[in-house]
């Protein structure tokens, strides 16, 4: 099954990272019909996102985001495009230009 995995370091701290993750989830729900659930933790939060053809998590930490997603068969053909779009979304969210390349942890 095709997968997407990348890490984005940041210096937001946990409170601002939570705000950024929730903003991303709201946008993903509106733009892509993602069903998102958020689990807050003491040192790390987990955002679960899902829609037909994609299921994943976003780990939200004080010093970075880590996204992991599994793509269904049909979405697998668009893996590179989807990964590039997700990567660009996080670059825009953090105001960076891809500090970590897609697929690198």
PDB file of N, CA and C in Angstrom:
ATOM      1  N   UNK A   1       0.846  -1.180   0.000  1.00  0.00           N
ATOM      2  CA  UNK A   1       0.000   0.000   0.000  1.00  0.00           C
ATOM      3  C   UNK A   1       0.888   1.239   0.000  1.00  0.00           C
ATOM      4  N   UNK A   2       0.655   2.179  -0.911  1.00  0.00           N
ATOM      5  CA  UNK A   2       1.462   3.400  -0.964  1.00  0.00           C
ATOM      6  C   UNK A   2       1.355   4.202   0.330  1.00  0.00           C
ATOM      7  N   UNK A   3       2.466   4.815   0.712  1.00  0.00           N
ATOM      8  CA  UNK A   3       2.503   5.573   1.963  1.00  0.00           C
ATOM      9  C   UNK A   3       3.224   6.895   1.759  1.00  0.00           C
ATOM     10  N   UNK A   4       2.865   7.842   2.604  1.00  0.00           N
ATOM     11  CA  UNK A   4       3.514   9.147   2.650  1.00  0.00           C
ATOM     12  C   UNK A   4       4.000   9.344   4.074  1.00  0.00           C
ATOM     13  N   UNK A   5       5.232   9.830   4.205  1.00  0.00           N
ATOM     14  CA  UNK A   5       5.776  10.078   5.536  1.00  0.00           C
ATOM     15  C   UNK A   5       6.763  11.240   5.442  1.00  0.00           C
ATOM     16  N   UNK A   6       6.562  12.256   6.262  1.00  0.00           N
ATOM     17  CA  UNK A   6       7.558  13.318   6.340  1.00  0.00           C
ATOM     18  C   UNK A   6       7.522  13.983   7.702  1.00  0.00           C
ATOM     19  N   UNK A   7       8.617  14.668   7.994  1.00  0.00           N
ATOM     20  CA  UNK A   7       8.801  15.364   9.268  1.00  0.00           C
ATOM     21  C   UNK A   7       9.107  16.822   8.965  1.00  0.00           C
ATOM     22  N   UNK A   8       8.502  17.708   9.723  1.00  0.00           N
ATOM     23  CA  UNK A   8       8.779  19.135   9.601  1.00  0.00           C
ATOM     24  C   UNK A   8       9.168  19.675  10.968  1.00  0.00           C
ATOM     25  N   UNK A   9      10.439  20.014  11.152  1.00  0.00           N
ATOM     26  CA  UNK A   9      10.840  20.637  12.414  1.00  0.00           C
ATOM     27  C   UNK A   9      10.312  22.069  12.488  1.00  0.00           C
ATOM     28  N   UNK A  10      10.096  22.543  13.695  1.00  0.00           N
ATOM     29  CA  UNK A  10       9.666  23.929  13.888  1.00  0.00           C
ATOM     30  C   UNK A  10      10.066  24.373  15.286  1.00  0.00           C
ATOM     31  N   UNK A  11       9.923  25.644  15.554  1.00  0.00           N
ATOM     32  CA  UNK A  11      10.221  26.180  16.884  1.00  0.00           C
ATOM     33  C   UNK A  11       9.002  26.892  17.455  1.00  0.00           C
ATOM     34  N   UNK A  12       7.812  26.382  17.141  1.00  0.00           N
ATOM     35  CA  UNK A  12       6.559  26.997  17.580  1.00  0.00           C
ATOM     36  C   UNK A  12       6.241  26.773  19.048  1.00  0.00           C
ATOM     37  N   UNK A  13       6.724  25.699  19.603  1.00  0.00           N
ATOM     38  CA  UNK A  13       6.270  25.291  20.928  1.00  0.00           C
ATOM     39  C   UNK A  13       4.957  24.542  20.768  1.00  0.00           C
ATOM     40  N   UNK A  14       4.534  23.843  21.807  1.00  0.00           N
ATOM     41  CA  UNK A  14       3.364  22.977  21.689  1.00  0.00           C
ATOM     42  C   UNK A  14       2.059  23.748  21.507  1.00  0.00           C
ATOM     43  N   UNK A  15       1.878  24.848  22.214  1.00  0.00           N
ATOM     44  CA  UNK A  15       0.616  25.597  22.111  1.00  0.00           C
ATOM     45  C   UNK A  15       0.390  26.128  20.696  1.00  0.00           C
ATOM     46  N   UNK A  16       1.399  26.742  20.102  1.00  0.00           N
ATOM     47  CA  UNK A  16       1.249  27.267  18.740  1.00  0.00           C
ATOM     48  C   UNK A  16       1.210  26.145  17.707  1.00  0.00           C
ATOM     49  N   UNK A  17       1.907  25.054  17.966  1.00  0.00           N
ATOM     50  CA  UNK A  17       1.862  23.902  17.058  1.00  0.00           C
ATOM     51  C   UNK A  17       0.455  23.312  17.035  1.00  0.00           C
ATOM     52  N   UNK A  18      -0.186  23.268  18.201  1.00  0.00           N
ATOM     53  CA  UNK A  18      -1.572  22.796  18.268  1.00  0.00           C
ATOM     54  C   UNK A  18      -2.489  23.681  17.423  1.00  0.00           C
ATOM     55  N   UNK A  19      -2.324  24.983  17.528  1.00  0.00           N
ATOM     56  CA  UNK A  19      -3.139  25.910  16.739  1.00  0.00           C
ATOM     57  C   UNK A  19      -2.923  25.688  15.249  1.00  0.00           C
ATOM     58  N   UNK A  20      -1.668  25.521  14.854  1.00  0.00           N
ATOM     59  CA  UNK A  20      -1.338  25.301  13.442  1.00  0.00           C
ATOM     60  C   UNK A  20      -1.928  23.980  12.953  1.00  0.00           C
ATOM     61  N   UNK A  21      -1.829  22.939  13.761  1.00  0.00           N
ATOM     62  CA  UNK A  21      -2.366  21.629  13.377  1.00  0.00           C
ATOM     63  C   UNK A  21      -3.882  21.681  13.243  1.00  0.00           C
ATOM     64  N   UNK A  22      -4.526  22.360  14.142  1.00  0.00           N
ATOM     65  CA  UNK A  22      -5.990  22.481  14.058  1.00  0.00           C
ATOM     66  C   UNK A  22      -6.403  23.315  12.844  1.00  0.00           C
ATOM     67  N   UNK A  23      -5.634  24.341  12.526  1.00  0.00           N
ATOM     68  CA  UNK A  23      -5.917  25.142  11.328  1.00  0.00           C
ATOM     69  C   UNK A  23      -5.770  24.279  10.078  1.00  0.00           C
ATOM     70  N   UNK A  24      -4.713  23.440  10.034  1.00  0.00           N
ATOM     71  CA  UNK A  24      -4.532  22.536   8.903  1.00  0.00           C
ATOM     72  C   UNK A  24      -5.699  21.557   8.808  1.00  0.00           C
ATOM     73  N   UNK A  25      -6.127  21.020   9.942  1.00  0.00           N
ATOM     74  CA  UNK A  25      -7.242  20.064   9.956  1.00  0.00           C
ATOM     75  C   UNK A  25      -8.529  20.713   9.452  1.00  0.00           C
ATOM     76  N   UNK A  26      -8.786  21.940   9.869  1.00  0.00           N
ATOM     77  CA  UNK A  26      -9.984  22.646   9.395  1.00  0.00           C
ATOM     78  C   UNK A  26      -9.950  22.820   7.883  1.00  0.00           C
ATOM     79  N   UNK A  27      -8.793  23.203   7.367  1.00  0.00           N
ATOM     80  CA  UNK A  27      -8.645  23.394   5.926  1.00  0.00           C
ATOM     81  C   UNK A  27      -8.791  22.067   5.179  1.00  0.00           C
ATOM     82  N   UNK A  28      -8.190  21.006   5.717  1.00  0.00           N
ATOM     83  CA  UNK A  28      -8.273  19.684   5.081  1.00  0.00           C
ATOM     84  C   UNK A  28      -9.709  19.178   5.069  1.00  0.00           C
ATOM     85  N   UNK A  29     -10.437  19.453   6.127  1.00  0.00           N
ATOM     86  CA  UNK A  29     -11.841  19.031   6.190  1.00  0.00           C
ATOM     87  C   UNK A  29     -12.673  19.781   5.149  1.00  0.00           C
ATOM     88  N   UNK A  30     -12.442  21.070   5.038  1.00  0.00           N
ATOM     89  CA  UNK A  30     -13.210  21.879   4.089  1.00  0.00           C
ATOM     90  C   UNK A  30     -12.825  21.594   2.642  1.00  0.00           C
ATOM     91  N   UNK A  31     -11.534  21.558   2.367  1.00  0.00           N
ATOM     92  CA  UNK A  31     -11.055  21.447   0.992  1.00  0.00           C
ATOM     93  C   UNK A  31     -11.113  20.021   0.444  1.00  0.00           C
ATOM     94  N   UNK A  32     -10.844  19.026   1.304  1.00  0.00           N
ATOM     95  CA  UNK A  32     -10.713  17.654   0.830  1.00  0.00           C
ATOM     96  C   UNK A  32     -11.715  16.680   1.439  1.00  0.00           C
ATOM     97  N   UNK A  33     -12.600  17.181   2.282  1.00  0.00           N
ATOM     98  CA  UNK A  33     -13.581  16.300   2.910  1.00  0.00           C
ATOM     99  C   UNK A  33     -12.981  15.336   3.914  1.00  0.00           C
ATOM    100  N   UNK A  34     -11.877  15.724   4.527  1.00  0.00           N
ATOM    101  CA  UNK A  34     -11.229  14.875   5.534  1.00  0.00           C
ATOM    102  C   UNK A  34     -12.058  14.867   6.811  1.00  0.00           C
ATOM    103  N   UNK A  35     -12.126  13.717   7.429  1.00  0.00           N
ATOM    104  CA  UNK A  35     -12.706  13.580   8.758  1.00  0.00           C
ATOM    105  C   UNK A  35     -11.528  13.601   9.726  1.00  0.00           C
ATOM    106  N   UNK A  36     -11.487  14.595  10.594  1.00  0.00           N
ATOM    107  CA  UNK A  36     -10.342  14.779  11.480  1.00  0.00           C
ATOM    108  C   UNK A  36     -10.767  14.676  12.945  1.00  0.00           C
ATOM    109  N   UNK A  37      -9.977  13.979  13.734  1.00  0.00           N
ATOM    110  CA  UNK A  37     -10.173  13.923  15.183  1.00  0.00           C
ATOM    111  C   UNK A  37      -8.838  14.256  15.840  1.00  0.00           C
ATOM    112  N   UNK A  38      -8.918  14.982  16.932  1.00  0.00           N
ATOM    113  CA  UNK A  38      -7.723  15.489  17.600  1.00  0.00           C
ATOM    114  C   UNK A  38      -7.642  14.924  19.009  1.00  0.00           C
ATOM    115  N   UNK A  39      -6.498  14.333  19.344  1.00  0.00           N
ATOM    116  CA  UNK A  39      -6.254  13.798  20.687  1.00  0.00           C
ATOM    117  C   UNK A  39      -5.111  14.578  21.315  1.00  0.00           C
ATOM    118  N   UNK A  40      -5.406  15.342  22.346  1.00  0.00           N
ATOM    119  CA  UNK A  40      -4.375  16.114  23.039  1.00  0.00           C
ATOM    120  C   UNK A  40      -3.675  15.235  24.067  1.00  0.00           C
ATOM    121  N   UNK A  41      -2.377  15.425  24.194  1.00  0.00           N
ATOM    122  CA  UNK A  41      -1.577  14.723  25.188  1.00  0.00           C
ATOM    123  C   UNK A  41      -0.748  15.718  25.973  1.00  0.00           C
ATOM    124  N   UNK A  42       0.037  15.229  26.907  1.00  0.00           N
ATOM    125  CA  UNK A  42       0.860  16.118  27.719  1.00  0.00           C
ATOM    126  C   UNK A  42       2.025  16.709  26.925  1.00  0.00           C
ATOM    127  N   UNK A  43       2.756  15.865  26.198  1.00  0.00           N
ATOM    128  CA  UNK A  43       3.932  16.321  25.465  1.00  0.00           C
ATOM    129  C   UNK A  43       3.757  16.220  23.952  1.00  0.00           C
ATOM    130  N   UNK A  44       2.701  15.559  23.518  1.00  0.00           N
ATOM    131  CA  UNK A  44       2.473  15.335  22.088  1.00  0.00           C
ATOM    132  C   UNK A  44       0.989  15.121  21.846  1.00  0.00           C
ATOM    133  N   UNK A  45       0.499  15.620  20.736  1.00  0.00           N
ATOM    134  CA  UNK A  45      -0.885  15.403  20.331  1.00  0.00           C
ATOM    135  C   UNK A  45      -0.888  14.552  19.071  1.00  0.00           C
ATOM    136  N   UNK A  46      -2.021  13.935  18.789  1.00  0.00           N
ATOM    137  CA  UNK A  46      -2.175  13.166  17.560  1.00  0.00           C
ATOM    138  C   UNK A  46      -3.449  13.607  16.858  1.00  0.00           C
ATOM    139  N   UNK A  47      -3.296  13.998  15.615  1.00  0.00           N
ATOM    140  CA  UNK A  47      -4.418  14.344  14.765  1.00  0.00           C
ATOM    141  C   UNK A  47      -4.625  13.179  13.799  1.00  0.00           C
ATOM    142  N   UNK A  48      -5.785  12.564  13.864  1.00  0.00           N
ATOM    143  CA  UNK A  48      -6.128  11.480  12.946  1.00  0.00           C
ATOM    144  C   UNK A  48      -6.948  12.087  11.820  1.00  0.00           C
ATOM    145  N   UNK A  49      -6.613  11.731  10.574  1.00  0.00           N
ATOM    146  CA  UNK A  49      -7.389  12.217   9.438  1.00  0.00           C
ATOM    147  C   UNK A  49      -7.704  11.056   8.509  1.00  0.00           C
ATOM    148  N   UNK A  50      -8.864  11.161   7.893  1.00  0.00           N
ATOM    149  CA  UNK A  50      -9.336  10.054   7.058  1.00  0.00           C
ATOM    150  C   UNK A  50     -10.336  10.561   6.032  1.00  0.00           C
ATOM    151  N   UNK A  51     -10.306   9.931   4.902  1.00  0.00           N
ATOM    152  CA  UNK A  51     -11.310  10.087   3.860  1.00  0.00           C
ATOM    153  C   UNK A  51     -11.175   8.872   2.956  1.00  0.00           C
ATOM    154  N   UNK A  52     -12.100   8.679   2.083  1.00  0.00           N
ATOM    155  CA  UNK A  52     -12.008   7.547   1.175  1.00  0.00           C
ATOM    156  C   UNK A  52     -10.678   7.636   0.424  1.00  0.00           C
ATOM    157  N   UNK A  53      -9.876   6.598   0.516  1.00  0.00           N
ATOM    158  CA  UNK A  53      -8.605   6.546  -0.192  1.00  0.00           C
ATOM    159  C   UNK A  53      -7.399   7.030   0.589  1.00  0.00           C
ATOM    160  N   UNK A  54      -7.598   7.548   1.802  1.00  0.00           N
ATOM    161  CA  UNK A  54      -6.475   8.040   2.600  1.00  0.00           C
ATOM    162  C   UNK A  54      -6.795   7.946   4.081  1.00  0.00           C
ATOM    163  N   UNK A  55      -5.814   7.502   4.848  1.00  0.00           N
ATOM    164  CA  UNK A  55      -5.951   7.365   6.296  1.00  0.00           C
ATOM    165  C   UNK A  55      -4.589   7.689   6.898  1.00  0.00           C
ATOM    166  N   UNK A  56      -4.548   8.627   7.866  1.00  0.00           N
ATOM    167  CA  UNK A  56      -3.245   8.977   8.408  1.00  0.00           C
ATOM    168  C   UNK A  56      -3.296   9.665   9.747  1.00  0.00           C
ATOM    169  N   UNK A  57      -2.097   9.998  10.232  1.00  0.00           N
ATOM    170  CA  UNK A  57      -1.949  10.707  11.497  1.00  0.00           C
ATOM    171  C   UNK A  57      -0.935  11.833  11.339  1.00  0.00           C
ATOM    172  N   UNK A  58      -1.126  12.837  12.153  1.00  0.00           N
ATOM    173  CA  UNK A  58      -0.168  13.920  12.276  1.00  0.00           C
ATOM    174  C   UNK A  58       0.219  13.983  13.746  1.00  0.00           C
ATOM    175  N   UNK A  59       1.483  13.718  14.034  1.00  0.00           N
ATOM    176  CA  UNK A  59       1.994  13.846  15.391  1.00  0.00           C
ATOM    177  C   UNK A  59       2.405  15.300  15.582  1.00  0.00           C
ATOM    178  N   UNK A  60       1.873  15.915  16.615  1.00  0.00           N
ATOM    179  CA  UNK A  60       2.115  17.330  16.888  1.00  0.00           C
ATOM    180  C   UNK A  60       2.982  17.420  18.141  1.00  0.00           C
ATOM    181  N   UNK A  61       4.197  17.925  17.973  1.00  0.00           N
ATOM    182  CA  UNK A  61       5.127  18.073  19.092  1.00  0.00           C
ATOM    183  C   UNK A  61       5.578  19.529  19.178  1.00  0.00           C
ATOM    184  N   UNK A  62       6.177  19.880  20.288  1.00  0.00           N
ATOM    185  CA  UNK A  62       6.653  21.249  20.492  1.00  0.00           C
ATOM    186  C   UNK A  62       7.723  21.641  19.485  1.00  0.00           C
ATOM    187  N   UNK A  63       8.447  20.651  18.935  1.00  0.00           N
ATOM    188  CA  UNK A  63       9.555  20.950  18.027  1.00  0.00           C
ATOM    189  C   UNK A  63       9.391  20.381  16.621  1.00  0.00           C
ATOM    190  N   UNK A  64       8.226  19.802  16.311  1.00  0.00           N
ATOM    191  CA  UNK A  64       8.062  19.279  14.959  1.00  0.00           C
ATOM    192  C   UNK A  64       6.724  18.611  14.722  1.00  0.00           C
ATOM    193  N   UNK A  65       6.410  18.463  13.452  1.00  0.00           N
ATOM    194  CA  UNK A  65       5.242  17.719  13.000  1.00  0.00           C
ATOM    195  C   UNK A  65       5.745  16.471  12.282  1.00  0.00           C
ATOM    196  N   UNK A  66       5.033  15.371  12.452  1.00  0.00           N
ATOM    197  CA  UNK A  66       5.360  14.161  11.701  1.00  0.00           C
ATOM    198  C   UNK A  66       4.069  13.610  11.119  1.00  0.00           C
ATOM    199  N   UNK A  67       4.017  13.564   9.801  1.00  0.00           N
ATOM    200  CA  UNK A  67       2.832  13.100   9.097  1.00  0.00           C
ATOM    201  C   UNK A  67       3.104  11.725   8.505  1.00  0.00           C
ATOM    202  N   UNK A  68       2.157  10.818   8.697  1.00  0.00           N
ATOM    203  CA  UNK A  68       2.211   9.482   8.103  1.00  0.00           C
ATOM    204  C   UNK A  68       0.823   9.169   7.565  1.00  0.00           C
ATOM    205  N   UNK A  69       0.759   8.745   6.308  1.00  0.00           N
ATOM    206  CA  UNK A  69      -0.530   8.446   5.695  1.00  0.00           C
ATOM    207  C   UNK A  69      -0.416   7.234   4.784  1.00  0.00           C
ATOM    208  N   UNK A  70      -1.446   6.445   4.778  1.00  0.00           N
ATOM    209  CA  UNK A  70      -1.570   5.308   3.873  1.00  0.00           C
ATOM    210  C   UNK A  70      -2.572   5.699   2.800  1.00  0.00           C
ATOM    211  N   UNK A  71      -2.240   5.393   1.569  1.00  0.00           N
ATOM    212  CA  UNK A  71      -3.119   5.706   0.448  1.00  0.00           C
ATOM    213  C   UNK A  71      -3.753   4.432  -0.084  1.00  0.00           C
ATOM    214  N   UNK A  72      -5.005   4.545  -0.455  1.00  0.00           N
ATOM    215  CA  UNK A  72      -5.689   3.426  -1.072  1.00  0.00           C
ATOM    216  C   UNK A  72      -5.183   3.198  -2.490  1.00  0.00           C
ATOM    217  N   UNK A  73      -5.643   2.134  -3.097  1.00  0.00           N
ATOM    218  CA  UNK A  73      -5.176   1.730  -4.419  1.00  0.00           C
ATOM    219  C   UNK A  73      -5.297   2.856  -5.449  1.00  0.00           C
ATOM    220  N   UNK A  74      -6.451   3.483  -5.543  1.00  0.00           N
ATOM    221  CA  UNK A  74      -6.656   4.515  -6.559  1.00  0.00           C
ATOM    222  C   UNK A  74      -5.819   5.766  -6.287  1.00  0.00           C
ATOM    223  N   UNK A  75      -5.684   6.151  -5.028  1.00  0.00           N
ATOM    224  CA  UNK A  75      -4.888   7.321  -4.691  1.00  0.00           C
ATOM    225  C   UNK A  75      -3.395   7.040  -4.858  1.00  0.00           C
ATOM    226  N   UNK A  76      -3.016   5.774  -4.825  1.00  0.00           N
ATOM    227  CA  UNK A  76      -1.611   5.405  -4.969  1.00  0.00           C
ATOM    228  C   UNK A  76      -1.010   5.912  -6.261  1.00  0.00           C
ATOM    229  N   UNK A  77      -1.812   5.990  -7.310  1.00  0.00           N
ATOM    230  CA  UNK A  77      -1.327   6.492  -8.592  1.00  0.00           C
ATOM    231  C   UNK A  77      -0.946   7.971  -8.506  1.00  0.00           C
ATOM    232  N   UNK A  78      -1.466   8.673  -7.520  1.00  0.00           N
ATOM    233  CA  UNK A  78      -1.202  10.101  -7.350  1.00  0.00           C
ATOM    234  C   UNK A  78      -0.318  10.384  -6.132  1.00  0.00           C
ATOM    235  N   UNK A  79       0.397   9.373  -5.655  1.00  0.00           N
ATOM    236  CA  UNK A  79       1.185   9.499  -4.432  1.00  0.00           C
ATOM    237  C   UNK A  79       2.134  10.695  -4.471  1.00  0.00           C
ATOM    238  N   UNK A  80       2.904  10.844  -5.545  1.00  0.00           N
ATOM    239  CA  UNK A  80       3.873  11.938  -5.608  1.00  0.00           C
ATOM    240  C   UNK A  80       3.179  13.297  -5.571  1.00  0.00           C
ATOM    241  N   UNK A  81       2.083  13.421  -6.275  1.00  0.00           N
ATOM    242  CA  UNK A  81       1.345  14.688  -6.296  1.00  0.00           C
ATOM    243  C   UNK A  81       0.743  15.001  -4.924  1.00  0.00           C
ATOM    244  N   UNK A  82       0.170  14.000  -4.278  1.00  0.00           N
ATOM    245  CA  UNK A  82      -0.430  14.185  -2.953  1.00  0.00           C
ATOM    246  C   UNK A  82       0.646  14.550  -1.944  1.00  0.00           C
ATOM    247  N   UNK A  83       1.778  13.843  -2.003  1.00  0.00           N
ATOM    248  CA  UNK A  83       2.876  14.130  -1.078  1.00  0.00           C
ATOM    249  C   UNK A  83       3.410  15.546  -1.293  1.00  0.00           C
ATOM    250  N   UNK A  84       3.545  15.961  -2.541  1.00  0.00           N
ATOM    251  CA  UNK A  84       4.019  17.316  -2.835  1.00  0.00           C
ATOM    252  C   UNK A  84       3.036  18.362  -2.316  1.00  0.00           C
ATOM    253  N   UNK A  85       1.731  18.108  -2.461  1.00  0.00           N
ATOM    254  CA  UNK A  85       0.710  19.049  -1.970  1.00  0.00           C
ATOM    255  C   UNK A  85       0.744  19.142  -0.447  1.00  0.00           C
ATOM    256  N   UNK A  86       0.813  18.000   0.229  1.00  0.00           N
ATOM    257  CA  UNK A  86       0.881  18.011   1.691  1.00  0.00           C
ATOM    258  C   UNK A  86       2.140  18.721   2.171  1.00  0.00           C
ATOM    259  N   UNK A  87       3.246  18.430   1.527  1.00  0.00           N
ATOM    260  CA  UNK A  87       4.508  19.069   1.881  1.00  0.00           C
ATOM    261  C   UNK A  87       4.415  20.579   1.713  1.00  0.00           C
ATOM    262  N   UNK A  88       3.840  21.025   0.601  1.00  0.00           N
ATOM    263  CA  UNK A  88       3.680  22.461   0.356  1.00  0.00           C
ATOM    264  C   UNK A  88       2.762  23.101   1.392  1.00  0.00           C
ATOM    265  N   UNK A  89       1.723  22.387   1.799  1.00  0.00           N
ATOM    266  CA  UNK A  89       0.811  22.914   2.821  1.00  0.00           C
ATOM    267  C   UNK A  89       1.553  23.160   4.132  1.00  0.00           C
ATOM    268  N   UNK A  90       2.409  22.212   4.533  1.00  0.00           N
ATOM    269  CA  UNK A  90       3.144  22.386   5.786  1.00  0.00           C
ATOM    270  C   UNK A  90       4.235  23.435   5.649  1.00  0.00           C
ATOM    271  N   UNK A  91       4.857  23.533   4.478  1.00  0.00           N
ATOM    272  CA  UNK A  91       5.829  24.606   4.258  1.00  0.00           C
ATOM    273  C   UNK A  91       5.148  25.957   4.408  1.00  0.00           C
ATOM    274  N   UNK A  92       3.962  26.103   3.813  1.00  0.00           N
ATOM    275  CA  UNK A  92       3.221  27.362   3.915  1.00  0.00           C
ATOM    276  C   UNK A  92       2.788  27.623   5.351  1.00  0.00           C
ATOM    277  N   UNK A  93       2.341  26.592   6.024  1.00  0.00           N
ATOM    278  CA  UNK A  93       1.893  26.719   7.410  1.00  0.00           C
ATOM    279  C   UNK A  93       3.028  27.202   8.310  1.00  0.00           C
ATOM    280  N   UNK A  94       4.224  26.713   8.049  1.00  0.00           N
ATOM    281  CA  UNK A  94       5.377  27.051   8.879  1.00  0.00           C
ATOM    282  C   UNK A  94       6.219  28.182   8.308  1.00  0.00           C
ATOM    283  N   UNK A  95       5.896  28.633   7.096  1.00  0.00           N
ATOM    284  CA  UNK A  95       6.683  29.693   6.478  1.00  0.00           C
ATOM    285  C   UNK A  95       8.065  29.239   6.100  1.00  0.00           C
ATOM    286  N   UNK A  96       8.199  27.972   5.696  1.00  0.00           N
ATOM    287  CA  UNK A  96       9.506  27.410   5.309  1.00  0.00           C
ATOM    288  C   UNK A  96       9.482  27.012   3.844  1.00  0.00           C
ATOM    289  N   UNK A  97      10.599  26.588   3.367  1.00  0.00           N
ATOM    290  CA  UNK A  97      10.711  26.103   1.985  1.00  0.00           C
ATOM    291  C   UNK A  97      11.200  24.663   1.982  1.00  0.00           C
ATOM    292  N   UNK A  98      10.598  23.797   2.803  1.00  0.00           N
ATOM    293  CA  UNK A  98      10.931  22.370   2.757  1.00  0.00           C
ATOM    294  C   UNK A  98      12.232  22.040   3.435  1.00  0.00           C
ATOM    295  N   UNK A  99      12.330  22.302   4.725  1.00  0.00           N
ATOM    296  CA  UNK A  99      13.539  21.999   5.472  1.00  0.00           C
ATOM    297  C   UNK A  99      13.867  20.515   5.464  1.00  0.00           C
ATOM    298  N   UNK A 100      12.849  19.676   5.419  1.00  0.00           N
ATOM    299  CA  UNK A 100      13.049  18.225   5.331  1.00  0.00           C
ATOM    300  C   UNK A 100      12.355  17.761   4.080  1.00  0.00           C
ATOM    301  N   UNK A 101      13.039  17.017   3.271  1.00  0.00           N
ATOM    302  CA  UNK A 101      12.448  16.558   2.008  1.00  0.00           C
ATOM    303  C   UNK A 101      11.349  15.550   2.275  1.00  0.00           C
ATOM    304  N   UNK A 102      10.304  15.540   1.422  1.00  0.00           N
ATOM    305  CA  UNK A 102       9.237  14.548   1.579  1.00  0.00           C
ATOM    306  C   UNK A 102       9.823  13.143   1.602  1.00  0.00           C
ATOM    307  N   UNK A 103       9.255  12.317   2.469  1.00  0.00           N
ATOM    308  CA  UNK A 103       9.704  10.935   2.567  1.00  0.00           C
ATOM    309  C   UNK A 103      10.833  10.737   3.554  1.00  0.00           C
ATOM    310  N   UNK A 104      11.405  11.834   4.072  1.00  0.00           N
ATOM    311  CA  UNK A 104      12.476  11.703   5.043  1.00  0.00           C
ATOM    312  C   UNK A 104      11.934  11.931   6.441  1.00  0.00           C
ATOM    313  N   UNK A 105      12.382  11.111   7.360  1.00  0.00           N
ATOM    314  CA  UNK A 105      11.954  11.251   8.756  1.00  0.00           C
ATOM    315  C   UNK A 105      13.010  11.907   9.573  1.00  0.00           C
TER     316      UNK A 105
END
